[in-house]
Amino acid sequence: MNDFLAPRPRVLIADDEPLLRAELREALRQLWPEAELVGEAADGYEALRLAQQLAPDVAFLDIRMPGLSGLELARTFSARTHVVFVTAYHEHAVAAFDEGAVDYVLKPADPIRLARCIARVRERLRQPPPDLTRLMARLQAKPAAPCWLQASIGQTIHFIDLADVIYFAAEAKYTRVVTDTLEAHIRTPLKELAETLDEAGFWQVHRSHVVAVKRISAASRDGDGALWLSLRGHAARLPVSQRFQHRFKGM
């Protein structure tokens, strides 16, 4: 038997969504009972601490989570740990699979896909983990933010300079674009659009909202402890979900 194959593989799960962690935990219990779940983390820094302490054989890593991303974590593992990327973005998943990462889990997790993923992980544990250097370079090459957007109001298409946008809001199949002078809709899903906007001065603060940082005037908590953003020159107040509250340290 290959010396790398652990008699009882040690598994780490790192994802900021409790429901997905629970799904992975249950899938491991049912499909890979001999595996030992040695730790769970809700953010990248906790995952790094656990990985250094527990030396897992396999790590399920959310590509996007508070603190360190799954990509940054994978870089620290070198050739010690097999990586399964967890992502809501199909292009990440395809790149991970093509470049030789153990596998990927696409959110929302599908039971059949999870079963296939775990089967592949078990088989690949017979070999050392692959070098993920090329994969890291591909996944971290983010698409550029658009300079302007074509957005519709009724039968009219408006050309909107990205610099004029105050915030984006997810609405059913569309994304609402809000500026000082108009509100219009584009067909690009918010989760896809958010991928391109970090370098353009926008923050995702909620699964339904991406805001221009320059238009944030204050962040405050209400009586229930929920965090809300006030905007400069605009009456809207935007909620900040727990996942993104690390952006507002000290609150």
C-alpha atoms as a PDB file:
ATOM      1  CA  MET A   1       0.000   0.000   0.000  1.00  0.00           C
ATOM      2  CA  ASN A   2       1.200   3.497  -0.775  1.00  0.00           C
ATOM      3  CA  ASP A   3       2.624   5.110   2.372  1.00  0.00           C
ATOM      4  CA  PHE A   4       0.616   8.274   1.668  1.00  0.00           C
ATOM      5  CA  LEU A   5      -2.724   6.492   2.072  1.00  0.00           C
ATOM      6  CA  ALA A   6      -3.819   7.153   5.640  1.00  0.00           C
ATOM      7  CA  PRO A   7      -5.591   4.254   7.437  1.00  0.00           C
ATOM      8  CA  ARG A   8      -8.225   6.717   8.635  1.00  0.00           C
ATOM      9  CA  PRO A   9      -8.120   9.870   6.468  1.00  0.00           C
ATOM     10  CA  ARG A  10      -8.392  13.139   8.371  1.00  0.00           C
ATOM     11  CA  VAL A  11     -10.814  15.680   6.878  1.00  0.00           C
ATOM     12  CA  LEU A  12     -11.212  19.427   7.431  1.00  0.00           C
ATOM     13  CA  ILE A  13     -14.267  21.427   6.281  1.00  0.00           C
ATOM     14  CA  ALA A  14     -13.984  25.213   5.849  1.00  0.00           C
ATOM     15  CA  ASP A  15     -17.090  27.107   4.740  1.00  0.00           C
ATOM     16  CA  ASP A  16     -18.915  30.092   6.211  1.00  0.00           C
ATOM     17  CA  GLU A  17     -22.367  28.607   5.483  1.00  0.00           C
ATOM     18  CA  PRO A  18     -23.531  26.359   8.375  1.00  0.00           C
ATOM     19  CA  LEU A  19     -26.028  24.519   6.174  1.00  0.00           C
ATOM     20  CA  LEU A  20     -23.390  23.508   3.657  1.00  0.00           C
ATOM     21  CA  ARG A  21     -21.019  22.406   6.418  1.00  0.00           C
ATOM     22  CA  ALA A  22     -23.819  20.225   7.779  1.00  0.00           C
ATOM     23  CA  GLU A  23     -24.465  18.724   4.339  1.00  0.00           C
ATOM     24  CA  LEU A  24     -20.790  17.876   3.904  1.00  0.00           C
ATOM     25  CA  ARG A  25     -20.609  16.456   7.416  1.00  0.00           C
ATOM     26  CA  GLU A  26     -23.615  14.189   6.799  1.00  0.00           C
ATOM     27  CA  ALA A  27     -22.302  13.095   3.395  1.00  0.00           C
ATOM     28  CA  LEU A  28     -18.999  12.097   4.957  1.00  0.00           C
ATOM     29  CA  ARG A  29     -20.780  10.186   7.711  1.00  0.00           C
ATOM     30  CA  GLN A  30     -22.842   8.191   5.219  1.00  0.00           C
ATOM     31  CA  LEU A  31     -20.463   7.788   2.277  1.00  0.00           C
ATOM     32  CA  TRP A  32     -17.048   7.700   3.940  1.00  0.00           C
ATOM     33  CA  PRO A  33     -17.569   6.394   7.493  1.00  0.00           C
ATOM     34  CA  GLU A  34     -13.898   5.521   7.939  1.00  0.00           C
ATOM     35  CA  ALA A  35     -12.877   9.159   7.424  1.00  0.00           C
ATOM     36  CA  GLU A  36     -12.332  11.258  10.543  1.00  0.00           C
ATOM     37  CA  LEU A  37     -13.747  14.793  10.516  1.00  0.00           C
ATOM     38  CA  VAL A  38     -11.071  16.519  12.581  1.00  0.00           C
ATOM     39  CA  GLY A  39     -12.305  20.101  12.314  1.00  0.00           C
ATOM     40  CA  GLU A  40     -14.755  22.637  10.907  1.00  0.00           C
ATOM     41  CA  ALA A  41     -14.109  26.337  10.293  1.00  0.00           C
ATOM     42  CA  ALA A  42     -16.406  29.219   9.369  1.00  0.00           C
ATOM     43  CA  ASP A  43     -13.649  31.542   8.104  1.00  0.00           C
ATOM     44  CA  GLY A  44     -10.249  31.330   6.503  1.00  0.00           C
ATOM     45  CA  TYR A  45      -8.153  32.256   9.526  1.00  0.00           C
ATOM     46  CA  GLU A  46      -9.749  29.581  11.688  1.00  0.00           C
ATOM     47  CA  ALA A  47      -9.277  27.068   8.848  1.00  0.00           C
ATOM     48  CA  LEU A  48      -5.577  27.934   8.622  1.00  0.00           C
ATOM     49  CA  ARG A  49      -5.138  27.493  12.373  1.00  0.00           C
ATOM     50  CA  LEU A  50      -6.891  24.111  12.304  1.00  0.00           C
ATOM     51  CA  ALA A  51      -4.947  22.950   9.245  1.00  0.00           C
ATOM     52  CA  GLN A  52      -1.615  23.772  10.879  1.00  0.00           C
ATOM     53  CA  GLN A  53      -2.688  22.076  14.091  1.00  0.00           C
ATOM     54  CA  LEU A  54      -4.428  18.998  12.674  1.00  0.00           C
ATOM     55  CA  ALA A  55      -2.599  18.294   9.374  1.00  0.00           C
ATOM     56  CA  PRO A  56      -5.661  17.014   7.454  1.00  0.00           C
ATOM     57  CA  ASP A  57      -5.322  14.623   4.534  1.00  0.00           C
ATOM     58  CA  VAL A  58      -8.307  16.247   2.775  1.00  0.00           C
ATOM     59  CA  ALA A  59      -9.712  19.770   3.026  1.00  0.00           C
ATOM     60  CA  PHE A  60     -13.046  20.988   1.660  1.00  0.00           C
ATOM     61  CA  LEU A  61     -12.412  24.723   1.096  1.00  0.00           C
ATOM     62  CA  ASP A  62     -14.951  27.401   0.234  1.00  0.00           C
ATOM     63  CA  ILE A  63     -13.342  29.569  -2.433  1.00  0.00           C
ATOM     64  CA  ARG A  64     -15.023  32.702  -1.040  1.00  0.00           C
ATOM     65  CA  MET A  65     -15.259  33.100   2.747  1.00  0.00           C
ATOM     66  CA  PRO A  66     -14.306  35.737   5.324  1.00  0.00           C
ATOM     67  CA  GLY A  67     -10.642  36.160   6.201  1.00  0.00           C
ATOM     68  CA  LEU A  68      -8.490  34.010   3.948  1.00  0.00           C
ATOM     69  CA  SER A  69     -10.134  32.648   0.824  1.00  0.00           C
ATOM     70  CA  GLY A  70     -10.017  28.982  -0.106  1.00  0.00           C
ATOM     71  CA  LEU A  71      -7.502  29.879  -2.804  1.00  0.00           C
ATOM     72  CA  GLU A  72      -5.159  31.505  -0.284  1.00  0.00           C
ATOM     73  CA  LEU A  73      -5.525  28.534   2.048  1.00  0.00           C
ATOM     74  CA  ALA A  74      -4.794  26.006  -0.689  1.00  0.00           C
ATOM     75  CA  ARG A  75      -1.527  27.783  -1.394  1.00  0.00           C
ATOM     76  CA  THR A  76      -0.386  27.146   2.190  1.00  0.00           C
ATOM     77  CA  PHE A  77      -1.043  23.411   1.962  1.00  0.00           C
ATOM     78  CA  SER A  78       1.731  22.728  -0.547  1.00  0.00           C
ATOM     79  CA  ALA A  79       1.718  18.972  -1.283  1.00  0.00           C
ATOM     80  CA  ARG A  80       0.471  17.887   2.129  1.00  0.00           C
ATOM     81  CA  THR A  81      -3.306  18.001   1.658  1.00  0.00           C
ATOM     82  CA  HIS A  82      -5.763  17.057  -1.057  1.00  0.00           C
ATOM     83  CA  VAL A  83      -8.101  19.954  -1.800  1.00  0.00           C
ATOM     84  CA  VAL A  84     -11.777  19.941  -2.747  1.00  0.00           C
ATOM     85  CA  PHE A  85     -12.982  23.417  -3.684  1.00  0.00           C
ATOM     86  CA  VAL A  86     -16.495  24.508  -2.698  1.00  0.00           C
ATOM     87  CA  THR A  87     -17.857  27.279  -4.895  1.00  0.00           C
ATOM     88  CA  ALA A  88     -21.020  28.928  -6.184  1.00  0.00           C
ATOM     89  CA  TYR A  89     -19.264  29.822  -9.439  1.00  0.00           C
ATOM     90  CA  HIS A  90     -19.195  27.188 -12.141  1.00  0.00           C
ATOM     91  CA  GLU A  91     -16.147  28.652 -13.886  1.00  0.00           C
ATOM     92  CA  HIS A  92     -14.117  28.119 -10.704  1.00  0.00           C
ATOM     93  CA  ALA A  93     -15.306  24.535 -10.524  1.00  0.00           C
ATOM     94  CA  VAL A  94     -14.378  23.707 -14.097  1.00  0.00           C
ATOM     95  CA  ALA A  95     -10.925  25.267 -13.734  1.00  0.00           C
ATOM     96  CA  ALA A  96     -10.293  23.366 -10.487  1.00  0.00           C
ATOM     97  CA  PHE A  97     -11.241  20.047 -12.043  1.00  0.00           C
ATOM     98  CA  ASP A  98      -9.285  20.629 -15.253  1.00  0.00           C
ATOM     99  CA  GLU A  99      -6.114  21.630 -13.436  1.00  0.00           C
ATOM    100  CA  GLY A 100      -5.997  18.581 -11.196  1.00  0.00           C
ATOM    101  CA  ALA A 101      -7.517  19.648  -7.894  1.00  0.00           C
ATOM    102  CA  VAL A 102      -9.070  16.626  -6.268  1.00  0.00           C
ATOM    103  CA  ASP A 103     -12.562  17.764  -7.154  1.00  0.00           C
ATOM    104  CA  TYR A 104     -15.117  20.465  -6.493  1.00  0.00           C
ATOM    105  CA  VAL A 105     -18.517  20.883  -4.870  1.00  0.00           C
ATOM    106  CA  LEU A 106     -20.821  23.345  -6.600  1.00  0.00           C
ATOM    107  CA  LYS A 107     -23.268  25.228  -4.383  1.00  0.00           C
ATOM    108  CA  PRO A 108     -25.997  24.355  -3.638  1.00  0.00           C
ATOM    109  CA  ALA A 109     -24.590  20.899  -2.926  1.00  0.00           C
ATOM    110  CA  ASP A 110     -26.184  18.061  -4.876  1.00  0.00           C
ATOM    111  CA  PRO A 111     -26.226  14.623  -3.133  1.00  0.00           C
ATOM    112  CA  ILE A 112     -25.282  12.725  -6.291  1.00  0.00           C
ATOM    113  CA  ARG A 113     -22.451  15.138  -7.040  1.00  0.00           C
ATOM    114  CA  LEU A 114     -21.234  14.846  -3.438  1.00  0.00           C
ATOM    115  CA  ALA A 115     -21.188  11.051  -3.678  1.00  0.00           C
ATOM    116  CA  ARG A 116     -19.106  11.162  -6.867  1.00  0.00           C
ATOM    117  CA  CYS A 117     -16.787  13.736  -5.328  1.00  0.00           C
ATOM    118  CA  ILE A 118     -16.126  11.637  -2.231  1.00  0.00           C
ATOM    119  CA  ALA A 119     -15.503   8.548  -4.385  1.00  0.00           C
ATOM    120  CA  ARG A 120     -12.861  10.445  -6.370  1.00  0.00           C
ATOM    121  CA  VAL A 121     -11.237  11.779  -3.206  1.00  0.00           C
ATOM    122  CA  ARG A 122     -10.942   8.275  -1.778  1.00  0.00           C
ATOM    123  CA  GLU A 123      -9.296   7.050  -4.962  1.00  0.00           C
ATOM    124  CA  ARG A 124      -6.871   9.965  -5.267  1.00  0.00           C
ATOM    125  CA  LEU A 125      -5.681   9.576  -1.700  1.00  0.00           C
ATOM    126  CA  ARG A 126      -3.543   6.727  -3.044  1.00  0.00           C
ATOM    127  CA  GLN A 127      -1.321   9.403  -4.605  1.00  0.00           C
ATOM    128  CA  PRO A 128       0.320  12.560  -3.226  1.00  0.00           C
ATOM    129  CA  PRO A 129      -1.688  15.780  -3.652  1.00  0.00           C
ATOM    130  CA  PRO A 130      -1.139  17.593  -6.970  1.00  0.00           C
ATOM    131  CA  ASP A 131       0.765  20.839  -7.341  1.00  0.00           C
ATOM    132  CA  LEU A 132      -1.898  23.568  -7.484  1.00  0.00           C
ATOM    133  CA  THR A 133       0.392  26.435  -8.578  1.00  0.00           C
ATOM    134  CA  ARG A 134      -1.096  26.728 -12.080  1.00  0.00           C
ATOM    135  CA  LEU A 135      -4.611  26.443 -10.753  1.00  0.00           C
ATOM    136  CA  MET A 136      -4.084  29.264  -8.265  1.00  0.00           C
ATOM    137  CA  ALA A 137      -2.892  31.520 -11.071  1.00  0.00           C
ATOM    138  CA  ARG A 138      -5.956  30.733 -13.189  1.00  0.00           C
ATOM    139  CA  LEU A 139      -8.532  31.162 -10.458  1.00  0.00           C
ATOM    140  CA  GLN A 140      -7.058  34.401  -9.167  1.00  0.00           C
ATOM    141  CA  ALA A 141      -7.062  36.030 -12.601  1.00  0.00           C
ATOM    142  CA  LYS A 142     -10.347  37.864 -12.061  1.00  0.00           C
ATOM    143  CA  PRO A 143     -12.300  39.262 -15.018  1.00  0.00           C
ATOM    144  CA  ALA A 144     -12.083  43.020 -15.293  1.00  0.00           C
ATOM    145  CA  ALA A 145     -14.937  45.162 -14.073  1.00  0.00           C
ATOM    146  CA  PRO A 146     -17.037  46.741 -16.854  1.00  0.00           C
ATOM    147  CA  CYS A 147     -16.487  50.467 -17.401  1.00  0.00           C
ATOM    148  CA  TRP A 148     -20.157  50.964 -18.224  1.00  0.00           C
ATOM    149  CA  LEU A 149     -23.397  49.001 -18.123  1.00  0.00           C
ATOM    150  CA  GLN A 150     -26.388  48.688 -20.426  1.00  0.00           C
ATOM    151  CA  ALA A 151     -29.474  48.752 -18.204  1.00  0.00           C
ATOM    152  CA  SER A 152     -33.156  48.800 -19.112  1.00  0.00           C
ATOM    153  CA  ILE A 153     -36.036  50.961 -17.953  1.00  0.00           C
ATOM    154  CA  GLY A 154     -39.138  49.789 -19.772  1.00  0.00           C
ATOM    155  CA  GLN A 155     -38.326  49.823 -23.481  1.00  0.00           C
ATOM    156  CA  THR A 156     -35.333  52.148 -23.090  1.00  0.00           C
ATOM    157  CA  ILE A 157     -31.723  51.021 -22.686  1.00  0.00           C
ATOM    158  CA  HIS A 158     -29.558  53.364 -20.616  1.00  0.00           C
ATOM    159  CA  PHE A 159     -25.760  53.433 -20.719  1.00  0.00           C
ATOM    160  CA  ILE A 160     -24.527  53.815 -17.132  1.00  0.00           C
ATOM    161  CA  ASP A 161     -20.972  54.682 -16.122  1.00  0.00           C
ATOM    162  CA  LEU A 162     -19.848  52.241 -13.397  1.00  0.00           C
ATOM    163  CA  ALA A 163     -18.454  55.208 -11.445  1.00  0.00           C
ATOM    164  CA  ASP A 164     -22.009  56.563 -11.096  1.00  0.00           C
ATOM    165  CA  VAL A 165     -23.439  53.424  -9.488  1.00  0.00           C
ATOM    166  CA  ILE A 166     -24.345  53.668  -5.789  1.00  0.00           C
ATOM    167  CA  TYR A 167     -25.314  50.037  -5.303  1.00  0.00           C
ATOM    168  CA  PHE A 168     -26.588  46.891  -7.001  1.00  0.00           C
ATOM    169  CA  ALA A 169     -29.487  44.815  -5.663  1.00  0.00           C
ATOM    170  CA  ALA A 170     -30.558  41.302  -6.649  1.00  0.00           C
ATOM    171  CA  GLU A 171     -34.185  41.096  -7.795  1.00  0.00           C
ATOM    172  CA  ALA A 172     -35.481  37.730  -9.038  1.00  0.00           C
ATOM    173  CA  LYS A 173     -33.853  37.113 -12.438  1.00  0.00           C
ATOM    174  CA  TYR A 174     -32.403  40.631 -12.664  1.00  0.00           C
ATOM    175  CA  THR A 175     -30.017  42.967 -10.889  1.00  0.00           C
ATOM    176  CA  ARG A 176     -31.209  46.482 -10.052  1.00  0.00           C
ATOM    177  CA  VAL A 177     -28.674  49.242 -10.694  1.00  0.00           C
ATOM    178  CA  VAL A 178     -29.108  52.361  -8.569  1.00  0.00           C
ATOM    179  CA  THR A 179     -27.513  55.740  -9.336  1.00  0.00           C
ATOM    180  CA  ASP A 180     -28.313  59.277  -8.164  1.00  0.00           C
ATOM    181  CA  THR A 181     -30.590  59.849 -11.132  1.00  0.00           C
ATOM    182  CA  LEU A 182     -32.163  56.512 -12.058  1.00  0.00           C
ATOM    183  CA  GLU A 183     -32.871  52.888 -11.180  1.00  0.00           C
ATOM    184  CA  ALA A 184     -32.643  50.331 -13.980  1.00  0.00           C
ATOM    185  CA  HIS A 185     -32.204  46.573 -14.447  1.00  0.00           C
ATOM    186  CA  ILE A 186     -29.582  44.344 -16.027  1.00  0.00           C
ATOM    187  CA  ARG A 187     -29.767  40.615 -16.706  1.00  0.00           C
ATOM    188  CA  THR A 188     -26.365  39.768 -15.189  1.00  0.00           C
ATOM    189  CA  PRO A 189     -26.919  37.920 -11.869  1.00  0.00           C
ATOM    190  CA  LEU A 190     -25.562  39.753  -8.838  1.00  0.00           C
ATOM    191  CA  LYS A 191     -23.343  36.852  -7.768  1.00  0.00           C
ATOM    192  CA  GLU A 192     -21.669  36.887 -11.205  1.00  0.00           C
ATOM    193  CA  LEU A 193     -21.322  40.660 -11.240  1.00  0.00           C
ATOM    194  CA  ALA A 194     -19.846  40.750  -7.720  1.00  0.00           C
ATOM    195  CA  GLU A 195     -16.919  38.641  -8.912  1.00  0.00           C
ATOM    196  CA  THR A 196     -15.664  41.500 -11.077  1.00  0.00           C
ATOM    197  CA  LEU A 197     -16.219  44.468  -8.770  1.00  0.00           C
ATOM    198  CA  ASP A 198     -13.830  44.101  -5.805  1.00  0.00           C
ATOM    199  CA  GLU A 199     -11.034  45.901  -7.632  1.00  0.00           C
ATOM    200  CA  ALA A 200     -13.422  48.629  -8.793  1.00  0.00           C
ATOM    201  CA  GLY A 201     -14.241  49.926  -5.325  1.00  0.00           C
ATOM    202  CA  PHE A 202     -17.366  47.870  -4.591  1.00  0.00           C
ATOM    203  CA  TRP A 203     -18.060  45.575  -1.640  1.00  0.00           C
ATOM    204  CA  GLN A 204     -20.574  42.799  -1.429  1.00  0.00           C
ATOM    205  CA  VAL A 205     -22.274  43.302   1.945  1.00  0.00           C
ATOM    206  CA  HIS A 206     -25.209  40.903   1.592  1.00  0.00           C
ATOM    207  CA  ARG A 207     -26.197  38.120  -0.768  1.00  0.00           C
ATOM    208  CA  SER A 208     -28.562  40.671  -2.360  1.00  0.00           C
ATOM    209  CA  HIS A 209     -26.448  43.852  -2.248  1.00  0.00           C
ATOM    210  CA  VAL A 210     -23.147  45.165  -3.614  1.00  0.00           C
ATOM    211  CA  VAL A 211     -22.323  48.773  -2.727  1.00  0.00           C
ATOM    212  CA  ALA A 212     -19.832  51.409  -3.863  1.00  0.00           C
ATOM    213  CA  VAL A 213     -17.489  51.865  -0.890  1.00  0.00           C
ATOM    214  CA  LYS A 214     -17.138  55.597  -1.590  1.00  0.00           C
ATOM    215  CA  ARG A 215     -20.903  56.016  -1.002  1.00  0.00           C
ATOM    216  CA  ILE A 216     -20.936  54.392   2.457  1.00  0.00           C
ATOM    217  CA  SER A 217     -21.313  57.106   5.084  1.00  0.00           C
ATOM    218  CA  ALA A 218     -21.817  54.983   8.225  1.00  0.00           C
ATOM    219  CA  ALA A 219     -22.351  51.467   9.545  1.00  0.00           C
ATOM    220  CA  SER A 220     -24.531  51.093  12.638  1.00  0.00           C
ATOM    221  CA  ARG A 221     -26.337  48.407  14.602  1.00  0.00           C
ATOM    222  CA  ASP A 222     -30.033  48.497  15.397  1.00  0.00           C
ATOM    223  CA  GLY A 223     -31.698  47.365  18.629  1.00  0.00           C
ATOM    224  CA  ASP A 224     -31.596  43.723  17.505  1.00  0.00           C
ATOM    225  CA  GLY A 225     -27.863  43.841  16.761  1.00  0.00           C
ATOM    226  CA  ALA A 226     -28.266  43.807  12.960  1.00  0.00           C
ATOM    227  CA  LEU A 227     -25.724  45.885  11.030  1.00  0.00           C
ATOM    228  CA  TRP A 228     -26.975  48.478   8.513  1.00  0.00           C
ATOM    229  CA  LEU A 229     -25.239  50.852   6.117  1.00  0.00           C
ATOM    230  CA  SER A 230     -26.221  54.477   5.570  1.00  0.00           C
ATOM    231  CA  LEU A 231     -25.337  55.900   2.169  1.00  0.00           C
ATOM    232  CA  ARG A 232     -23.903  59.278   1.313  1.00  0.00           C
ATOM    233  CA  GLY A 233     -26.467  61.315  -0.630  1.00  0.00           C
ATOM    234  CA  HIS A 234     -29.061  58.534  -0.801  1.00  0.00           C
ATOM    235  CA  ALA A 235     -31.922  57.563   1.517  1.00  0.00           C
ATOM    236  CA  ALA A 236     -31.572  53.771   1.221  1.00  0.00           C
ATOM    237  CA  ARG A 237     -30.227  51.712   4.143  1.00  0.00           C
ATOM    238  CA  LEU A 238     -28.570  48.416   3.216  1.00  0.00           C
ATOM    239  CA  PRO A 239     -28.318  45.354   5.484  1.00  0.00           C
ATOM    240  CA  VAL A 240     -24.960  43.688   6.137  1.00  0.00           C
ATOM    241  CA  SER A 241     -25.166  39.921   6.561  1.00  0.00           C
ATOM    242  CA  GLN A 242     -23.019  38.054   9.092  1.00  0.00           C
ATOM    243  CA  ARG A 243     -20.868  36.687   6.287  1.00  0.00           C
ATOM    244  CA  PHE A 244     -19.639  40.172   5.323  1.00  0.00           C
ATOM    245  CA  GLN A 245     -19.443  41.884   8.699  1.00  0.00           C
ATOM    246  CA  HIS A 246     -15.677  41.288   8.846  1.00  0.00           C
ATOM    247  CA  ARG A 247     -15.433  44.252   6.443  1.00  0.00           C
ATOM    248  CA  PHE A 248     -16.567  46.515   9.279  1.00  0.00           C
ATOM    249  CA  LYS A 249     -14.179  45.643  12.084  1.00  0.00           C
ATOM    250  CA  GLY A 250     -14.900  47.131  15.468  1.00  0.00           C
ATOM    251  CA  MET A 251     -18.673  47.148  14.952  1.00  0.00           C
END
